[in-house]
Amino acid sequence: MIEWWQILLITLYAFYQILDEITIVSSAGSPVFAGFITGLIMGDLTTGLLIGGSMQLTVLGVGTFGGASRIDANSGTVIATAFSVAVGMDPQLALTSLAVPIAALMVYTDILARMSNVFFAHRIDQNIQNHAYRAITVNYLLGAVAWGLSRALPIFLALVFGGPFVQSLADAMQTGFLKVIADGLTLAGGVLPALGFAILLRYLPTKRHIAYLILSFSLTAIFITLFGNVAAIGNALDGLLPNSLGRAYNGVPMLAMAAIGVAFAYMVYQRSVEGGNAPATSTTQSAKGEIEDDEL
C-alpha cells in the first residue's frame, strides 16, 4: 500500500498545486504535472504521466469563466495515480473509475474554498479601513491556507482511509463480477481525450480558421506515416548490417508538430495585427457561439 512518507509528500503537493494554479501559474498545478509528481513519488513515472496526460487532454477545453468552478482534474489525477500504482490498477481504468469521479466531487471543496475566501476578503476590507496592515497580511495568508486545505485535506483522507475500498474495487473490476463494467470504463478512458479536443474545438474560432485545421491535420498524418515508415526501414536495415550501428530510428517528434502549430498561430496573429484587428484583452463571443479570445 501507500507509505506514510508518500502520503505526506503527495498531501504537501496537493496543498501547493492549487496555490500555484491561482497565483504563480507555473503549470505545476496542471494534471500532467500532477501525474508527473505523484508518479515520481509513487515510483511509477509512466503511470503518472499516462493518467496526467489523459486528464490534461480531457479538460483541454474546460475553463473557469468568471467565478465558475470546474472539475478538479489535478486532484483526480493525484488520487488515481497513487491508487493505480499502489493496488496495481490499470491506468485507463483508474482514469475513468477514480480520476473523473473524484475530479467532479472536488468541485464542492472548490466552492467551499471560494466561500471561505469571501469571508477573509471582507475582513481585509475592514482592515483597510482601520489601517491594520498586519491584519491584512494575516487574512490574506489565511485565505491561501483555505485554498490549500480544500485540496490537501480530501486527498490526505482519501489516501489514508480509502486504500481498502480501492483495493476491493480494483479486485472486483479486474477479476470479479465488475469486470464487464471495467472493460467498458477502460474503453471510455480512451475516448475521454477525444472528448477534450471536441470541447476545445467547440469554443475556439474553428470555423473561421478551418483551412489551418485541415492543413495541420493533414501534415500531422503525413509526417507520422512518413517518419514511421522511414524509422521502420532504418531499424530493419540496421539489424541486417554485419556491423550494426546500434541506434534506434524514432518517428517524428511531437515538438516538431507543436512548432508547426506555433507557426500557424503566429501567421494568424500577424494577419490580424496587419489588418488592424489585434486580439482583444477581454473575452468576446461571436454570433455563432464561438469564443474568439482567451478567457483572460
Foldseek 3Di string as FASTA:
>chain_A
DDDPVLLVVLLVLLLVLLVCVVPVVPCCNALQVLLQVLCVSLVHNPLSNVLSVLLCLLCVLPDCFDPAFDFRQSLLSNLLNNLCSVQVADSLLSNQPGRVVNSVVLSVLVVVLVVLLVVLVVVLVVCVVVVVVVSNVVSVVVSSSSSSCSGSVVSSCCVVPVNVVSNVVRCCCPPNPVVVVSVVSSVVSVCSSVNSVVSNCLQEPCVVVVVVVVVLVVVVVVQQVVQVVVQVVVVVVLVVDPDRPPDGRDGDDVVVSVVVVVVVVVVVQVVCVVVVNHDDPDWDADPVGHTHDDHD
